[in-house]
Amino acid sequence: MKEIVVKEAEKLSIMINYLPPYSPNLNPIEKLWKVMNEHVRNNRFFKSAKDFKYKIDEFLKITLPQIGSSLEQRLNDNFQRL
């Protein structure tokens, strides 16, 4: 399959840039999980999975809408060109 994609890209003059197999800094959802961890999980003990789930739901429904506009700088696709 990879060979087919490479051949088609060459036909269309598309340059393929390969990413490292593990690159969380290039994945916006990983950045959001990091923010969620800062607000929900860091240095906290939960007595039950239900308590943990409640805090995650609270983050997604209440906290995230409140802080959403301030996250633009952290959750963007601006990559440094080397």
PDB file of N, CA and C in Angstrom:
ATOM      1  N   MET A   1       0.819  -1.190   0.000  1.00  0.00           N
ATOM      2  CA  MET A   1       0.000   0.000   0.000  1.00  0.00           C
ATOM      3  C   MET A   1       0.863   1.255   0.000  1.00  0.00           C
ATOM      4  N   LYS A   2       1.926   1.240   0.799  1.00  0.00           N
ATOM      5  CA  LYS A   2       2.800   2.408   0.893  1.00  0.00           C
ATOM      6  C   LYS A   2       3.399   2.741  -0.473  1.00  0.00           C
ATOM      7  N   GLU A   3       3.771   1.706  -1.205  1.00  0.00           N
ATOM      8  CA  GLU A   3       4.385   1.922  -2.526  1.00  0.00           C
ATOM      9  C   GLU A   3       3.415   2.608  -3.475  1.00  0.00           C
ATOM     10  N   ILE A   4       2.127   2.234  -3.391  1.00  0.00           N
ATOM     11  CA  ILE A   4       1.114   2.843  -4.254  1.00  0.00           C
ATOM     12  C   ILE A   4       0.984   4.331  -3.934  1.00  0.00           C
ATOM     13  N   VAL A   5       0.950   4.649  -2.664  1.00  0.00           N
ATOM     14  CA  VAL A   5       0.818   6.045  -2.245  1.00  0.00           C
ATOM     15  C   VAL A   5       2.026   6.847  -2.712  1.00  0.00           C
ATOM     16  N   VAL A   6       3.216   6.286  -2.558  1.00  0.00           N
ATOM     17  CA  VAL A   6       4.443   6.978  -2.964  1.00  0.00           C
ATOM     18  C   VAL A   6       4.438   7.212  -4.476  1.00  0.00           C
ATOM     19  N   LYS A   7       4.056   6.212  -5.249  1.00  0.00           N
ATOM     20  CA  LYS A   7       4.015   6.364  -6.718  1.00  0.00           C
ATOM     21  C   LYS A   7       3.011   7.421  -7.138  1.00  0.00           C
ATOM     22  N   GLU A   8       1.839   7.411  -6.530  1.00  0.00           N
ATOM     23  CA  GLU A   8       0.819   8.398  -6.873  1.00  0.00           C
ATOM     24  C   GLU A   8       1.273   9.803  -6.479  1.00  0.00           C
ATOM     25  N   ALA A   9       1.922   9.921  -5.346  1.00  0.00           N
ATOM     26  CA  ALA A   9       2.428  11.222  -4.909  1.00  0.00           C
ATOM     27  C   ALA A   9       3.456  11.745  -5.901  1.00  0.00           C
ATOM     28  N   GLU A  10       4.325  10.870  -6.370  1.00  0.00           N
ATOM     29  CA  GLU A  10       5.332  11.278  -7.353  1.00  0.00           C
ATOM     30  C   GLU A  10       4.664  11.759  -8.642  1.00  0.00           C
ATOM     31  N   LYS A  11       3.636  11.044  -9.092  1.00  0.00           N
ATOM     32  CA  LYS A  11       2.913  11.445 -10.311  1.00  0.00           C
ATOM     33  C   LYS A  11       2.316  12.839 -10.173  1.00  0.00           C
ATOM     34  N   LEU A  12       1.840  13.154  -8.981  1.00  0.00           N
ATOM     35  CA  LEU A  12       1.180  14.437  -8.737  1.00  0.00           C
ATOM     36  C   LEU A  12       2.132  15.508  -8.206  1.00  0.00           C
ATOM     37  N   SER A  13       3.422  15.206  -8.196  1.00  0.00           N
ATOM     38  CA  SER A  13       4.456  16.118  -7.683  1.00  0.00           C
ATOM     39  C   SER A  13       4.194  16.526  -6.237  1.00  0.00           C
ATOM     40  N   ILE A  14       3.767  15.562  -5.437  1.00  0.00           N
ATOM     41  CA  ILE A  14       3.528  15.794  -4.017  1.00  0.00           C
ATOM     42  C   ILE A  14       4.727  15.279  -3.243  1.00  0.00           C
ATOM     43  N   MET A  15       5.286  16.143  -2.385  1.00  0.00           N
ATOM     44  CA  MET A  15       6.407  15.732  -1.562  1.00  0.00           C
ATOM     45  C   MET A  15       5.864  15.144  -0.255  1.00  0.00           C
ATOM     46  N   ILE A  16       6.281  13.959   0.100  1.00  0.00           N
ATOM     47  CA  ILE A  16       5.836  13.300   1.319  1.00  0.00           C
ATOM     48  C   ILE A  16       6.847  13.582   2.421  1.00  0.00           C
ATOM     49  N   ASN A  17       6.337  14.065   3.548  1.00  0.00           N
ATOM     50  CA  ASN A  17       7.170  14.292   4.728  1.00  0.00           C
ATOM     51  C   ASN A  17       6.776  13.261   5.776  1.00  0.00           C
ATOM     52  N   TYR A  18       7.694  12.421   6.141  1.00  0.00           N
ATOM     53  CA  TYR A  18       7.413  11.376   7.110  1.00  0.00           C
ATOM     54  C   TYR A  18       7.583  11.907   8.527  1.00  0.00           C
ATOM     55  N   LEU A  19       6.641  11.559   9.377  1.00  0.00           N
ATOM     56  CA  LEU A  19       6.714  11.933  10.780  1.00  0.00           C
ATOM     57  C   LEU A  19       7.312  10.787  11.577  1.00  0.00           C
ATOM     58  N   PRO A  20       7.920  11.090  12.707  1.00  0.00           N
ATOM     59  CA  PRO A  20       8.409  10.012  13.567  1.00  0.00           C
ATOM     60  C   PRO A  20       7.235   9.140  14.013  1.00  0.00           C
ATOM     61  N   PRO A  21       7.484   7.864  14.323  1.00  0.00           N
ATOM     62  CA  PRO A  21       6.380   6.984  14.706  1.00  0.00           C
ATOM     63  C   PRO A  21       5.626   7.471  15.937  1.00  0.00           C
ATOM     64  N   TYR A  22       6.314   8.113  16.856  1.00  0.00           N
ATOM     65  CA  TYR A  22       5.651   8.649  18.038  1.00  0.00           C
ATOM     66  C   TYR A  22       5.963  10.133  18.093  1.00  0.00           C
ATOM     67  N   SER A  23       4.968  10.950  17.814  1.00  0.00           N
ATOM     68  CA  SER A  23       5.200  12.391  17.799  1.00  0.00           C
ATOM     69  C   SER A  23       4.013  13.135  18.401  1.00  0.00           C
ATOM     70  N   PRO A  24       3.824  13.026  19.719  1.00  0.00           N
ATOM     71  CA  PRO A  24       2.673  13.662  20.352  1.00  0.00           C
ATOM     72  C   PRO A  24       2.659  15.182  20.204  1.00  0.00           C
ATOM     73  N   ASN A  25       3.823  15.785  20.072  1.00  0.00           N
ATOM     74  CA  ASN A  25       3.871  17.241  19.927  1.00  0.00           C
ATOM     75  C   ASN A  25       3.302  17.702  18.589  1.00  0.00           C
ATOM     76  N   LEU A  26       3.116  16.778  17.648  1.00  0.00           N
ATOM     77  CA  LEU A  26       2.529  17.125  16.356  1.00  0.00           C
ATOM     78  C   LEU A  26       1.046  16.780  16.290  1.00  0.00           C
ATOM     79  N   ASN A  27       0.490  16.273  17.375  1.00  0.00           N
ATOM     80  CA  ASN A  27      -0.895  15.837  17.399  1.00  0.00           C
ATOM     81  C   ASN A  27      -1.696  16.759  18.327  1.00  0.00           C
ATOM     82  N   PRO A  28      -2.586  17.578  17.777  1.00  0.00           N
ATOM     83  CA  PRO A  28      -3.326  18.542  18.607  1.00  0.00           C
ATOM     84  C   PRO A  28      -4.114  17.912  19.754  1.00  0.00           C
ATOM     85  N   ILE A  29      -4.645  16.719  19.582  1.00  0.00           N
ATOM     86  CA  ILE A  29      -5.423  16.106  20.662  1.00  0.00           C
ATOM     87  C   ILE A  29      -4.532  15.807  21.863  1.00  0.00           C
ATOM     88  N   GLU A  30      -3.262  15.486  21.614  1.00  0.00           N
ATOM     89  CA  GLU A  30      -2.330  15.245  22.715  1.00  0.00           C
ATOM     90  C   GLU A  30      -2.136  16.524  23.531  1.00  0.00           C
ATOM     91  N   LYS A  31      -2.137  17.659  22.846  1.00  0.00           N
ATOM     92  CA  LYS A  31      -1.994  18.933  23.549  1.00  0.00           C
ATOM     93  C   LYS A  31      -3.222  19.200  24.422  1.00  0.00           C
ATOM     94  N   LEU A  32      -4.411  18.858  23.899  1.00  0.00           N
ATOM     95  CA  LEU A  32      -5.626  19.035  24.690  1.00  0.00           C
ATOM     96  C   LEU A  32      -5.623  18.116  25.900  1.00  0.00           C
ATOM     97  N   TRP A  33      -5.170  16.860  25.733  1.00  0.00           N
ATOM     98  CA  TRP A  33      -5.096  15.935  26.875  1.00  0.00           C
ATOM     99  C   TRP A  33      -4.165  16.491  27.945  1.00  0.00           C
ATOM    100  N   LYS A  34      -3.089  17.140  27.516  1.00  0.00           N
ATOM    101  CA  LYS A  34      -2.151  17.715  28.485  1.00  0.00           C
ATOM    102  C   LYS A  34      -2.830  18.809  29.306  1.00  0.00           C
ATOM    103  N   VAL A  35      -3.614  19.659  28.642  1.00  0.00           N
ATOM    104  CA  VAL A  35      -4.335  20.717  29.350  1.00  0.00           C
ATOM    105  C   VAL A  35      -5.347  20.093  30.305  1.00  0.00           C
ATOM    106  N   MET A  36      -6.058  19.064  29.844  1.00  0.00           N
ATOM    107  CA  MET A  36      -7.031  18.400  30.697  1.00  0.00           C
ATOM    108  C   MET A  36      -6.349  17.803  31.925  1.00  0.00           C
ATOM    109  N   ASN A  37      -5.222  17.173  31.735  1.00  0.00           N
ATOM    110  CA  ASN A  37      -4.485  16.606  32.869  1.00  0.00           C
ATOM    111  C   ASN A  37      -4.095  17.680  33.871  1.00  0.00           C
ATOM    112  N   GLU A  38      -3.701  18.851  33.387  1.00  0.00           N
ATOM    113  CA  GLU A  38      -3.328  19.942  34.285  1.00  0.00           C
ATOM    114  C   GLU A  38      -4.504  20.355  35.158  1.00  0.00           C
ATOM    115  N   HIS A  39      -5.696  20.321  34.589  1.00  0.00           N
ATOM    116  CA  HIS A  39      -6.880  20.794  35.319  1.00  0.00           C
ATOM    117  C   HIS A  39      -7.583  19.684  36.092  1.00  0.00           C
ATOM    118  N   VAL A  40      -7.422  18.443  35.682  1.00  0.00           N
ATOM    119  CA  VAL A  40      -8.199  17.349  36.280  1.00  0.00           C
ATOM    120  C   VAL A  40      -7.351  16.432  37.151  1.00  0.00           C
ATOM    121  N   ARG A  41      -6.221  15.989  36.650  1.00  0.00           N
ATOM    122  CA  ARG A  41      -5.529  14.861  37.246  1.00  0.00           C
ATOM    123  C   ARG A  41      -4.284  15.201  38.053  1.00  0.00           C
ATOM    124  N   ASN A  42      -3.574  16.243  37.701  1.00  0.00           N
ATOM    125  CA  ASN A  42      -2.284  16.509  38.336  1.00  0.00           C
ATOM    126  C   ASN A  42      -2.362  16.569  39.862  1.00  0.00           C
ATOM    127  N   ASN A  43      -1.589  15.723  40.502  1.00  0.00           N
ATOM    128  CA  ASN A  43      -1.459  15.691  41.965  1.00  0.00           C
ATOM    129  C   ASN A  43      -2.794  15.530  42.688  1.00  0.00           C
ATOM    130  N   ARG A  44      -3.683  14.754  42.103  1.00  0.00           N
ATOM    131  CA  ARG A  44      -4.976  14.507  42.738  1.00  0.00           C
ATOM    132  C   ARG A  44      -5.210  13.012  42.871  1.00  0.00           C
ATOM    133  N   PHE A  45      -5.868  12.648  43.943  1.00  0.00           N
ATOM    134  CA  PHE A  45      -6.252  11.253  44.177  1.00  0.00           C
ATOM    135  C   PHE A  45      -7.766  11.159  44.049  1.00  0.00           C
ATOM    136  N   PHE A  46      -8.232  10.160  43.307  1.00  0.00           N
ATOM    137  CA  PHE A  46      -9.660   9.928  43.146  1.00  0.00           C
ATOM    138  C   PHE A  46     -10.016   8.622  43.829  1.00  0.00           C
ATOM    139  N   LYS A  47     -11.042   8.659  44.663  1.00  0.00           N
ATOM    140  CA  LYS A  47     -11.445   7.467  45.407  1.00  0.00           C
ATOM    141  C   LYS A  47     -12.042   6.408  44.499  1.00  0.00           C
ATOM    142  N   SER A  48     -12.599   6.842  43.376  1.00  0.00           N
ATOM    143  CA  SER A  48     -13.224   5.871  42.476  1.00  0.00           C
ATOM    144  C   SER A  48     -13.117   6.350  41.040  1.00  0.00           C
ATOM    145  N   ALA A  49     -13.331   5.419  40.123  1.00  0.00           N
ATOM    146  CA  ALA A  49     -13.354   5.760  38.696  1.00  0.00           C
ATOM    147  C   ALA A  49     -14.504   6.708  38.403  1.00  0.00           C
ATOM    148  N   LYS A  50     -15.598   6.564  39.154  1.00  0.00           N
ATOM    149  CA  LYS A  50     -16.756   7.441  38.984  1.00  0.00           C
ATOM    150  C   LYS A  50     -16.387   8.892  39.300  1.00  0.00           C
ATOM    151  N   ASP A  51     -15.610   9.114  40.367  1.00  0.00           N
ATOM    152  CA  ASP A  51     -15.147  10.458  40.719  1.00  0.00           C
ATOM    153  C   ASP A  51     -14.252  11.042  39.626  1.00  0.00           C
ATOM    154  N   PHE A  52     -13.375  10.196  39.094  1.00  0.00           N
ATOM    155  CA  PHE A  52     -12.474  10.621  38.021  1.00  0.00           C
ATOM    156  C   PHE A  52     -13.274  11.004  36.777  1.00  0.00           C
ATOM    157  N   LYS A  53     -14.233  10.177  36.418  1.00  0.00           N
ATOM    158  CA  LYS A  53     -15.083  10.452  35.258  1.00  0.00           C
ATOM    159  C   LYS A  53     -15.849  11.757  35.453  1.00  0.00           C
ATOM    160  N   TYR A  54     -16.353  11.986  36.655  1.00  0.00           N
ATOM    161  CA  TYR A  54     -17.082  13.217  36.943  1.00  0.00           C
ATOM    162  C   TYR A  54     -16.196  14.440  36.695  1.00  0.00           C
ATOM    163  N   LYS A  55     -14.954  14.391  37.156  1.00  0.00           N
ATOM    164  CA  LYS A  55     -14.039  15.521  36.976  1.00  0.00           C
ATOM    165  C   LYS A  55     -13.704  15.750  35.503  1.00  0.00           C
ATOM    166  N   ILE A  56     -13.582  14.671  34.735  1.00  0.00           N
ATOM    167  CA  ILE A  56     -13.329  14.815  33.299  1.00  0.00           C
ATOM    168  C   ILE A  56     -14.541  15.457  32.630  1.00  0.00           C
ATOM    169  N   ASP A  57     -15.731  14.965  32.953  1.00  0.00           N
ATOM    170  CA  ASP A  57     -16.955  15.551  32.398  1.00  0.00           C
ATOM    171  C   ASP A  57     -17.073  17.026  32.767  1.00  0.00           C
ATOM    172  N   GLU A  58     -16.753  17.346  34.013  1.00  0.00           N
ATOM    173  CA  GLU A  58     -16.791  18.736  34.475  1.00  0.00           C
ATOM    174  C   GLU A  58     -15.818  19.602  33.671  1.00  0.00           C
ATOM    175  N   PHE A  59     -14.625  19.059  33.415  1.00  0.00           N
ATOM    176  CA  PHE A  59     -13.642  19.798  32.617  1.00  0.00           C
ATOM    177  C   PHE A  59     -14.185  20.071  31.219  1.00  0.00           C
ATOM    178  N   LEU A  60     -14.733  19.033  30.563  1.00  0.00           N
ATOM    179  CA  LEU A  60     -15.199  19.177  29.186  1.00  0.00           C
ATOM    180  C   LEU A  60     -16.427  20.091  29.078  1.00  0.00           C
ATOM    181  N   LYS A  61     -17.301  20.046  30.054  1.00  0.00           N
ATOM    182  CA  LYS A  61     -18.541  20.819  29.970  1.00  0.00           C
ATOM    183  C   LYS A  61     -18.433  22.224  30.557  1.00  0.00           C
ATOM    184  N   ILE A  62     -17.610  22.405  31.579  1.00  0.00           N
ATOM    185  CA  ILE A  62     -17.560  23.696  32.275  1.00  0.00           C
ATOM    186  C   ILE A  62     -16.230  24.419  32.066  1.00  0.00           C
ATOM    187  N   THR A  63     -15.141  23.758  32.443  1.00  0.00           N
ATOM    188  CA  THR A  63     -13.831  24.420  32.418  1.00  0.00           C
ATOM    189  C   THR A  63     -13.364  24.733  30.997  1.00  0.00           C
ATOM    190  N   LEU A  64     -13.441  23.758  30.103  1.00  0.00           N
ATOM    191  CA  LEU A  64     -12.934  23.957  28.739  1.00  0.00           C
ATOM    192  C   LEU A  64     -13.616  25.128  28.037  1.00  0.00           C
ATOM    193  N   PRO A  65     -14.944  25.259  28.089  1.00  0.00           N
ATOM    194  CA  PRO A  65     -15.548  26.446  27.464  1.00  0.00           C
ATOM    195  C   PRO A  65     -15.075  27.762  28.078  1.00  0.00           C
ATOM    196  N   GLN A  66     -14.762  27.750  29.368  1.00  0.00           N
ATOM    197  CA  GLN A  66     -14.297  28.966  30.037  1.00  0.00           C
ATOM    198  C   GLN A  66     -12.878  29.347  29.627  1.00  0.00           C
ATOM    199  N   ILE A  67     -12.026  28.346  29.431  1.00  0.00           N
ATOM    200  CA  ILE A  67     -10.616  28.620  29.120  1.00  0.00           C
ATOM    201  C   ILE A  67     -10.301  28.455  27.635  1.00  0.00           C
ATOM    202  N   GLY A  68     -11.287  28.080  26.850  1.00  0.00           N
ATOM    203  CA  GLY A  68     -11.068  27.757  25.435  1.00  0.00           C
ATOM    204  C   GLY A  68     -10.331  28.810  24.649  1.00  0.00           C
ATOM    205  N   SER A  69     -10.722  30.075  24.812  1.00  0.00           N
ATOM    206  CA  SER A  69     -10.084  31.130  24.026  1.00  0.00           C
ATOM    207  C   SER A  69      -8.617  31.319  24.397  1.00  0.00           C
ATOM    208  N   SER A  70      -8.248  30.964  25.612  1.00  0.00           N
ATOM    209  CA  SER A  70      -6.848  31.120  26.026  1.00  0.00           C
ATOM    210  C   SER A  70      -5.962  29.972  25.532  1.00  0.00           C
ATOM    211  N   LEU A  71      -6.569  28.957  24.946  1.00  0.00           N
ATOM    212  CA  LEU A  71      -5.798  27.794  24.498  1.00  0.00           C
ATOM    213  C   LEU A  71      -5.315  27.892  23.052  1.00  0.00           C
ATOM    214  N   GLU A  72      -5.686  28.944  22.379  1.00  0.00           N
ATOM    215  CA  GLU A  72      -5.330  29.070  20.966  1.00  0.00           C
ATOM    216  C   GLU A  72      -3.834  28.915  20.726  1.00  0.00           C
ATOM    217  N   GLN A  73      -3.032  29.484  21.599  1.00  0.00           N
ATOM    218  CA  GLN A  73      -1.576  29.402  21.431  1.00  0.00           C
ATOM    219  C   GLN A  73      -1.046  27.992  21.692  1.00  0.00           C
ATOM    220  N   ARG A  74      -1.720  27.231  22.551  1.00  0.00           N
ATOM    221  CA  ARG A  74      -1.234  25.892  22.913  1.00  0.00           C
ATOM    222  C   ARG A  74      -1.730  24.803  21.970  1.00  0.00           C
ATOM    223  N   LEU A  75      -2.874  25.006  21.343  1.00  0.00           N
ATOM    224  CA  LEU A  75      -3.490  23.963  20.520  1.00  0.00           C
ATOM    225  C   LEU A  75      -3.515  24.343  19.048  1.00  0.00           C
ATOM    226  N   ASN A  76      -2.415  24.820  18.548  1.00  0.00           N
ATOM    227  CA  ASN A  76      -2.391  25.231  17.152  1.00  0.00           C
ATOM    228  C   ASN A  76      -1.550  24.280  16.308  1.00  0.00           C
ATOM    229  N   ASP A  77      -1.582  24.511  15.034  1.00  0.00           N
ATOM    230  CA  ASP A  77      -0.800  23.693  14.099  1.00  0.00           C
ATOM    231  C   ASP A  77       0.397  24.463  13.549  1.00  0.00           C
ATOM    232  N   ASN A  78       0.871  25.448  14.284  1.00  0.00           N
ATOM    233  CA  ASN A  78       2.030  26.211  13.845  1.00  0.00           C
ATOM    234  C   ASN A  78       3.294  25.417  14.151  1.00  0.00           C
ATOM    235  N   PHE A  79       3.908  24.918  13.112  1.00  0.00           N
ATOM    236  CA  PHE A  79       5.114  24.114  13.293  1.00  0.00           C
ATOM    237  C   PHE A  79       6.323  24.905  12.843  1.00  0.00           C
ATOM    238  N   GLN A  80       7.405  24.691  13.526  1.00  0.00           N
ATOM    239  CA  GLN A  80       8.641  25.359  13.175  1.00  0.00           C
ATOM    240  C   GLN A  80       9.273  24.650  11.990  1.00  0.00           C
ATOM    241  N   ARG A  81       9.647  25.409  10.992  1.00  0.00           N
ATOM    242  CA  ARG A  81      10.358  24.829   9.846  1.00  0.00           C
ATOM    243  C   ARG A  81      11.853  24.836  10.127  1.00  0.00           C
ATOM    244  N   LEU A  82      12.470  23.714   9.892  1.00  0.00           N
ATOM    245  CA  LEU A  82      13.915  23.604  10.129  1.00  0.00           C
ATOM    246  C   LEU A  82      14.663  23.643   8.821  1.00  0.00           C
TER     247      LEU A  82
END
